[in-house]
Amino acid sequence: MIPVISRYENIKSLINNSNVNIIAVSKMFSKEAISPLIDHGHLHFGENKVQEAQSKWAEIKKNKPSIKLHMIGRLQTNKAKEAVMLFDYIHSLDNQKLANTLAKQENNLNKKLKYFIQVNIGNEKQKSGINIDVLDDFYYYCTRELKIDIIGLMVIPPNDGQEIVYFKKLMELNKLLGLKELSMGMSSDFKIALNYETTFIRIGTSIFGNRN
């Protein structure tokens, strides 16, 4: 079996919940590296940069429209139009200006995406995301004023060994908002996230190996 497929199947074997989706994070990997997983029938893939995603996925998605592409990196407003054209999910919605621009582009392009609000759970200055104290206001602004489809919250927790605390907190915030989906857990911590009702785990190196 191709190493990519065996690693992918190994991760699948650790998940005993049919609601959990694996996003294969293909940033910095070539089409050749990811094609075995596409041929294997996997549908959810994640990218960090719009430009890289365009060069890699535009043609693939034309031929395989069932593939769902997830924007998991920070999104600049000047790339919103391209993002709406290419992606199906945005995991990094983190400010009002970006929300306004995405809503406008959805209208212009007559396309609806699914969104996660990125939460800055550890209040880290260097990290993007909405602070917990304004999360409610931002959520209601996005859903009521802009009418964009917020399906859940997303987090990249601080690297301080307290993932359990952060995942539990995000799960509770998600429930308070009545949201069904949760984007949390990466190669290093997805096993912990599985205990806190995550529905999308973002796995790169554990599937594709180390990036050059």
C-alpha atoms as a PDB file:
ATOM      1  CA  MET A   1       0.000   0.000   0.000  1.00  0.00           C
ATOM      2  CA  ILE A   2       1.239   3.525  -0.814  1.00  0.00           C
ATOM      3  CA  PRO A   3       2.588   5.144   2.411  1.00  0.00           C
ATOM      4  CA  VAL A   4       0.154   8.080   2.127  1.00  0.00           C
ATOM      5  CA  ILE A   5      -2.806   5.698   1.965  1.00  0.00           C
ATOM      6  CA  SER A   6      -1.587   3.516   4.816  1.00  0.00           C
ATOM      7  CA  ARG A   7      -1.000   6.561   7.043  1.00  0.00           C
ATOM      8  CA  TYR A   8      -4.438   7.911   6.131  1.00  0.00           C
ATOM      9  CA  GLU A   9      -6.113   4.561   6.863  1.00  0.00           C
ATOM     10  CA  ASN A  10      -4.256   4.404  10.186  1.00  0.00           C
ATOM     11  CA  ILE A  11      -5.748   7.762  11.221  1.00  0.00           C
ATOM     12  CA  LYS A  12      -9.193   6.643  10.077  1.00  0.00           C
ATOM     13  CA  SER A  13      -8.849   3.540  12.268  1.00  0.00           C
ATOM     14  CA  LEU A  14      -8.434   5.785  15.342  1.00  0.00           C
ATOM     15  CA  ILE A  15     -11.779   7.509  14.726  1.00  0.00           C
ATOM     16  CA  ASN A  16     -14.884   5.700  15.947  1.00  0.00           C
ATOM     17  CA  ASN A  17     -17.312   8.490  15.122  1.00  0.00           C
ATOM     18  CA  SER A  18     -18.882   8.784  11.674  1.00  0.00           C
ATOM     19  CA  ASN A  19     -19.392  12.545  12.194  1.00  0.00           C
ATOM     20  CA  VAL A  20     -15.636  13.223  12.128  1.00  0.00           C
ATOM     21  CA  ASN A  21     -14.160  14.403   8.822  1.00  0.00           C
ATOM     22  CA  ILE A  22     -10.448  14.281   8.063  1.00  0.00           C
ATOM     23  CA  ILE A  23      -9.172  17.351   6.238  1.00  0.00           C
ATOM     24  CA  ALA A  24      -5.974  16.255   4.498  1.00  0.00           C
ATOM     25  CA  VAL A  25      -3.808  19.387   4.707  1.00  0.00           C
ATOM     26  CA  SER A  26      -2.005  19.427   1.388  1.00  0.00           C
ATOM     27  CA  LYS A  27      -0.213  22.783   1.649  1.00  0.00           C
ATOM     28  CA  MET A  28       3.288  22.659   0.156  1.00  0.00           C
ATOM     29  CA  PHE A  29       2.681  19.189  -1.283  1.00  0.00           C
ATOM     30  CA  SER A  30       2.576  18.650  -5.041  1.00  0.00           C
ATOM     31  CA  LYS A  31      -0.309  17.294  -7.085  1.00  0.00           C
ATOM     32  CA  GLU A  32       1.704  14.084  -7.459  1.00  0.00           C
ATOM     33  CA  ALA A  33       1.961  13.712  -3.674  1.00  0.00           C
ATOM     34  CA  ILE A  34      -1.762  14.156  -3.100  1.00  0.00           C
ATOM     35  CA  SER A  35      -3.149  12.291  -6.138  1.00  0.00           C
ATOM     36  CA  PRO A  36      -3.030   8.831  -4.459  1.00  0.00           C
ATOM     37  CA  LEU A  37      -5.378  10.131  -1.760  1.00  0.00           C
ATOM     38  CA  ILE A  38      -7.707  11.670  -4.359  1.00  0.00           C
ATOM     39  CA  ASP A  39      -7.737   8.362  -6.263  1.00  0.00           C
ATOM     40  CA  HIS A  40      -8.442   6.590  -2.963  1.00  0.00           C
ATOM     41  CA  GLY A  41     -11.704   8.552  -2.776  1.00  0.00           C
ATOM     42  CA  HIS A  42     -10.885  11.071  -0.044  1.00  0.00           C
ATOM     43  CA  LEU A  43     -12.867  14.307  -0.450  1.00  0.00           C
ATOM     44  CA  HIS A  44     -11.771  16.917   2.127  1.00  0.00           C
ATOM     45  CA  PHE A  45      -8.506  18.794   1.537  1.00  0.00           C
ATOM     46  CA  GLY A  46      -7.056  21.880   3.238  1.00  0.00           C
ATOM     47  CA  GLU A  47      -4.809  24.676   1.999  1.00  0.00           C
ATOM     48  CA  ASN A  48      -3.231  27.679   3.709  1.00  0.00           C
ATOM     49  CA  LYS A  49      -2.713  30.050   0.796  1.00  0.00           C
ATOM     50  CA  VAL A  50      -5.145  31.063  -1.932  1.00  0.00           C
ATOM     51  CA  GLN A  51      -2.511  31.371  -4.660  1.00  0.00           C
ATOM     52  CA  GLU A  52      -1.041  27.923  -4.041  1.00  0.00           C
ATOM     53  CA  ALA A  53      -4.525  26.415  -3.859  1.00  0.00           C
ATOM     54  CA  GLN A  54      -5.503  27.988  -7.198  1.00  0.00           C
ATOM     55  CA  SER A  55      -2.511  26.555  -9.035  1.00  0.00           C
ATOM     56  CA  LYS A  56      -3.048  23.118  -7.520  1.00  0.00           C
ATOM     57  CA  TRP A  57      -6.806  22.640  -7.224  1.00  0.00           C
ATOM     58  CA  ALA A  58      -8.644  24.648  -9.907  1.00  0.00           C
ATOM     59  CA  GLU A  59      -8.183  21.942 -12.539  1.00  0.00           C
ATOM     60  CA  ILE A  60      -8.666  19.022 -10.115  1.00  0.00           C
ATOM     61  CA  LYS A  61     -11.964  20.458  -8.850  1.00  0.00           C
ATOM     62  CA  LYS A  62     -13.262  20.884 -12.400  1.00  0.00           C
ATOM     63  CA  ASN A  63     -12.691  17.179 -12.996  1.00  0.00           C
ATOM     64  CA  LYS A  64     -13.786  16.066  -9.506  1.00  0.00           C
ATOM     65  CA  PRO A  65     -16.533  18.447  -8.311  1.00  0.00           C
ATOM     66  CA  SER A  66     -17.251  16.274  -5.253  1.00  0.00           C
ATOM     67  CA  ILE A  67     -13.947  17.352  -3.666  1.00  0.00           C
ATOM     68  CA  LYS A  68     -14.397  19.873  -0.840  1.00  0.00           C
ATOM     69  CA  LEU A  69     -11.619  22.413  -0.399  1.00  0.00           C
ATOM     70  CA  HIS A  70     -11.026  24.054   2.974  1.00  0.00           C
ATOM     71  CA  MET A  71      -9.188  27.346   3.528  1.00  0.00           C
ATOM     72  CA  ILE A  72      -7.478  26.846   6.878  1.00  0.00           C
ATOM     73  CA  GLY A  73      -4.844  29.603   6.759  1.00  0.00           C
ATOM     74  CA  ARG A  74      -5.205  33.290   7.431  1.00  0.00           C
ATOM     75  CA  LEU A  75      -7.237  34.958   4.691  1.00  0.00           C
ATOM     76  CA  GLN A  76      -6.552  38.533   3.557  1.00  0.00           C
ATOM     77  CA  THR A  77      -9.530  40.572   2.339  1.00  0.00           C
ATOM     78  CA  ASN A  78      -7.847  41.209  -1.030  1.00  0.00           C
ATOM     79  CA  LYS A  79      -7.961  37.452  -1.680  1.00  0.00           C
ATOM     80  CA  ALA A  80     -11.626  37.054  -0.722  1.00  0.00           C
ATOM     81  CA  LYS A  81     -12.957  36.912  -4.290  1.00  0.00           C
ATOM     82  CA  GLU A  82     -10.534  34.152  -5.321  1.00  0.00           C
ATOM     83  CA  ALA A  83     -11.248  32.304  -2.077  1.00  0.00           C
ATOM     84  CA  VAL A  84     -15.009  32.326  -2.629  1.00  0.00           C
ATOM     85  CA  MET A  85     -14.532  31.133  -6.207  1.00  0.00           C
ATOM     86  CA  LEU A  86     -12.331  28.171  -5.231  1.00  0.00           C
ATOM     87  CA  PHE A  87     -13.082  27.063  -1.675  1.00  0.00           C
ATOM     88  CA  ASP A  88     -16.103  25.354  -0.125  1.00  0.00           C
ATOM     89  CA  TYR A  89     -15.226  26.010   3.526  1.00  0.00           C
ATOM     90  CA  ILE A  90     -13.366  28.867   5.268  1.00  0.00           C
ATOM     91  CA  HIS A  91     -12.005  27.972   8.706  1.00  0.00           C
ATOM     92  CA  SER A  92     -10.273  31.274   9.444  1.00  0.00           C
ATOM     93  CA  LEU A  93     -13.021  33.899   9.594  1.00  0.00           C
ATOM     94  CA  ASP A  94     -11.590  36.250  12.196  1.00  0.00           C
ATOM     95  CA  ASN A  95     -12.699  39.857  11.688  1.00  0.00           C
ATOM     96  CA  GLN A  96     -15.624  42.016  10.565  1.00  0.00           C
ATOM     97  CA  LYS A  97     -13.916  43.509   7.515  1.00  0.00           C
ATOM     98  CA  LEU A  98     -13.201  40.038   6.150  1.00  0.00           C
ATOM     99  CA  ALA A  99     -16.767  38.909   6.894  1.00  0.00           C
ATOM    100  CA  ASN A 100     -18.171  41.943   5.031  1.00  0.00           C
ATOM    101  CA  THR A 101     -15.960  41.288   2.011  1.00  0.00           C
ATOM    102  CA  LEU A 102     -16.762  37.567   1.885  1.00  0.00           C
ATOM    103  CA  ALA A 103     -20.512  38.256   2.107  1.00  0.00           C
ATOM    104  CA  LYS A 104     -20.224  40.759  -0.756  1.00  0.00           C
ATOM    105  CA  GLN A 105     -18.284  38.287  -2.910  1.00  0.00           C
ATOM    106  CA  GLU A 106     -20.801  35.535  -2.189  1.00  0.00           C
ATOM    107  CA  ASN A 107     -23.520  37.823  -3.554  1.00  0.00           C
ATOM    108  CA  ASN A 108     -21.428  38.848  -6.571  1.00  0.00           C
ATOM    109  CA  LEU A 109     -20.547  35.265  -7.461  1.00  0.00           C
ATOM    110  CA  ASN A 110     -23.889  33.736  -6.411  1.00  0.00           C
ATOM    111  CA  LYS A 111     -22.117  31.116  -4.303  1.00  0.00           C
ATOM    112  CA  LYS A 112     -22.566  30.164  -0.641  1.00  0.00           C
ATOM    113  CA  LEU A 113     -19.702  28.840   1.470  1.00  0.00           C
ATOM    114  CA  LYS A 114     -19.611  27.276   4.923  1.00  0.00           C
ATOM    115  CA  TYR A 115     -17.663  29.148   7.602  1.00  0.00           C
ATOM    116  CA  PHE A 116     -15.927  28.523  10.887  1.00  0.00           C
ATOM    117  CA  ILE A 117     -15.148  31.452  13.186  1.00  0.00           C
ATOM    118  CA  GLN A 118     -11.551  31.203  14.346  1.00  0.00           C
ATOM    119  CA  VAL A 119     -11.389  31.802  18.100  1.00  0.00           C
ATOM    120  CA  ASN A 120      -8.237  33.126  19.778  1.00  0.00           C
ATOM    121  CA  ILE A 121      -8.816  30.867  22.770  1.00  0.00           C
ATOM    122  CA  GLY A 122      -5.563  31.726  24.566  1.00  0.00           C
ATOM    123  CA  ASN A 123      -5.794  35.469  23.860  1.00  0.00           C
ATOM    124  CA  GLU A 124      -2.396  35.318  22.142  1.00  0.00           C
ATOM    125  CA  LYS A 125      -1.190  38.590  20.640  1.00  0.00           C
ATOM    126  CA  GLN A 126       0.639  36.905  17.749  1.00  0.00           C
ATOM    127  CA  LYS A 127      -2.334  34.759  16.748  1.00  0.00           C
ATOM    128  CA  SER A 128      -5.386  35.735  14.738  1.00  0.00           C
ATOM    129  CA  GLY A 129      -8.896  34.897  15.840  1.00  0.00           C
ATOM    130  CA  ILE A 130     -11.879  36.436  17.591  1.00  0.00           C
ATOM    131  CA  ASN A 131     -11.539  37.012  21.334  1.00  0.00           C
ATOM    132  CA  ILE A 132     -14.063  35.110  23.455  1.00  0.00           C
ATOM    133  CA  ASP A 133     -15.583  38.269  24.929  1.00  0.00           C
ATOM    134  CA  VAL A 134     -16.773  39.498  21.495  1.00  0.00           C
ATOM    135  CA  LEU A 135     -17.571  36.090  19.982  1.00  0.00           C
ATOM    136  CA  ASP A 136     -21.345  36.307  20.503  1.00  0.00           C
ATOM    137  CA  ASP A 137     -21.588  39.758  18.882  1.00  0.00           C
ATOM    138  CA  PHE A 138     -19.453  38.680  15.924  1.00  0.00           C
ATOM    139  CA  TYR A 139     -21.443  35.485  15.407  1.00  0.00           C
ATOM    140  CA  TYR A 140     -24.780  37.320  15.412  1.00  0.00           C
ATOM    141  CA  TYR A 141     -23.427  40.021  13.112  1.00  0.00           C
ATOM    142  CA  CYS A 142     -22.292  37.367  10.590  1.00  0.00           C
ATOM    143  CA  THR A 143     -25.490  35.339  10.703  1.00  0.00           C
ATOM    144  CA  ARG A 144     -28.147  38.044  11.101  1.00  0.00           C
ATOM    145  CA  GLU A 145     -26.681  41.046   9.295  1.00  0.00           C
ATOM    146  CA  LEU A 146     -24.594  39.338   6.610  1.00  0.00           C
ATOM    147  CA  LYS A 147     -26.571  36.082   6.337  1.00  0.00           C
ATOM    148  CA  ILE A 148     -23.429  33.981   5.949  1.00  0.00           C
ATOM    149  CA  ASP A 149     -23.484  30.320   6.938  1.00  0.00           C
ATOM    150  CA  ILE A 150     -21.518  29.904  10.172  1.00  0.00           C
ATOM    151  CA  ILE A 151     -21.412  26.173  10.901  1.00  0.00           C
ATOM    152  CA  GLY A 152     -18.954  26.091  13.808  1.00  0.00           C
ATOM    153  CA  LEU A 153     -15.886  27.376  15.626  1.00  0.00           C
ATOM    154  CA  MET A 154     -12.219  26.710  14.880  1.00  0.00           C
ATOM    155  CA  VAL A 155      -9.163  26.855  17.108  1.00  0.00           C
ATOM    156  CA  ILE A 156      -5.385  26.539  16.970  1.00  0.00           C
ATOM    157  CA  PRO A 157      -4.660  26.228  20.705  1.00  0.00           C
ATOM    158  CA  PRO A 158      -1.577  27.668  22.426  1.00  0.00           C
ATOM    159  CA  ASN A 159       1.386  25.302  22.464  1.00  0.00           C
ATOM    160  CA  ASP A 160       1.506  24.994  26.242  1.00  0.00           C
ATOM    161  CA  GLY A 161       0.364  21.423  26.870  1.00  0.00           C
ATOM    162  CA  GLN A 162      -3.158  22.430  27.929  1.00  0.00           C
ATOM    163  CA  GLU A 163      -5.033  21.256  24.838  1.00  0.00           C
ATOM    164  CA  ILE A 164      -7.688  19.568  26.974  1.00  0.00           C
ATOM    165  CA  VAL A 165      -8.603  22.898  28.591  1.00  0.00           C
ATOM    166  CA  TYR A 166      -8.839  24.724  25.252  1.00  0.00           C
ATOM    167  CA  PHE A 167     -10.722  21.992  23.382  1.00  0.00           C
ATOM    168  CA  LYS A 168     -13.226  21.645  26.224  1.00  0.00           C
ATOM    169  CA  LYS A 169     -13.753  25.424  26.275  1.00  0.00           C
ATOM    170  CA  LEU A 170     -14.300  25.589  22.508  1.00  0.00           C
ATOM    171  CA  MET A 171     -16.753  22.683  22.661  1.00  0.00           C
ATOM    172  CA  GLU A 172     -18.734  24.565  25.339  1.00  0.00           C
ATOM    173  CA  LEU A 173     -18.710  27.835  23.350  1.00  0.00           C
ATOM    174  CA  ASN A 174     -19.870  25.944  20.247  1.00  0.00           C
ATOM    175  CA  LYS A 175     -22.799  24.454  22.172  1.00  0.00           C
ATOM    176  CA  LEU A 176     -23.797  27.836  23.605  1.00  0.00           C
ATOM    177  CA  LEU A 177     -24.125  29.159  20.058  1.00  0.00           C
ATOM    178  CA  GLY A 178     -26.063  26.053  19.003  1.00  0.00           C
ATOM    179  CA  LEU A 179     -23.501  25.127  16.334  1.00  0.00           C
ATOM    180  CA  LYS A 180     -23.093  21.587  15.008  1.00  0.00           C
ATOM    181  CA  GLU A 181     -19.549  21.513  13.615  1.00  0.00           C
ATOM    182  CA  LEU A 182     -16.150  21.992  15.297  1.00  0.00           C
ATOM    183  CA  SER A 183     -12.776  22.430  13.591  1.00  0.00           C
ATOM    184  CA  MET A 184     -10.072  21.434  16.043  1.00  0.00           C
ATOM    185  CA  GLY A 185      -7.253  18.947  16.211  1.00  0.00           C
ATOM    186  CA  MET A 186      -4.126  18.628  14.076  1.00  0.00           C
ATOM    187  CA  SER A 187      -1.501  15.901  13.652  1.00  0.00           C
ATOM    188  CA  SER A 188      -0.073  16.516  17.128  1.00  0.00           C
ATOM    189  CA  ASP A 189      -3.315  16.739  19.112  1.00  0.00           C
ATOM    190  CA  PHE A 190      -6.258  15.327  17.131  1.00  0.00           C
ATOM    191  CA  LYS A 191      -6.569  12.302  19.447  1.00  0.00           C
ATOM    192  CA  ILE A 192      -7.341  14.720  22.305  1.00  0.00           C
ATOM    193  CA  ALA A 193      -9.756  16.749  20.137  1.00  0.00           C
ATOM    194  CA  LEU A 194     -11.712  13.578  19.339  1.00  0.00           C
ATOM    195  CA  ASN A 195     -12.771  13.478  23.011  1.00  0.00           C
ATOM    196  CA  TYR A 196     -14.341  16.964  22.728  1.00  0.00           C
ATOM    197  CA  GLU A 197     -16.790  16.536  19.848  1.00  0.00           C
ATOM    198  CA  THR A 198     -14.622  17.837  17.027  1.00  0.00           C
ATOM    199  CA  THR A 199     -16.120  17.109  13.605  1.00  0.00           C
ATOM    200  CA  PHE A 200     -13.232  18.298  11.404  1.00  0.00           C
ATOM    201  CA  ILE A 201      -9.611  17.394  12.149  1.00  0.00           C
ATOM    202  CA  ARG A 202      -6.861  19.048  10.076  1.00  0.00           C
ATOM    203  CA  ILE A 203      -4.136  16.498   9.370  1.00  0.00           C
ATOM    204  CA  GLY A 204      -1.046  17.215   7.255  1.00  0.00           C
ATOM    205  CA  THR A 205       2.257  15.605   8.251  1.00  0.00           C
ATOM    206  CA  SER A 206       0.626  12.480   9.722  1.00  0.00           C
ATOM    207  CA  ILE A 207      -0.755  11.736   6.240  1.00  0.00           C
ATOM    208  CA  PHE A 208       1.736  13.202   3.787  1.00  0.00           C
ATOM    209  CA  GLY A 209       4.946  13.128   5.860  1.00  0.00           C
ATOM    210  CA  ASN A 210       7.236  16.046   6.648  1.00  0.00           C
ATOM    211  CA  ARG A 211       7.250  19.104   4.425  1.00  0.00           C
ATOM    212  CA  ASN A 212      10.518  20.116   2.772  1.00  0.00           C
END
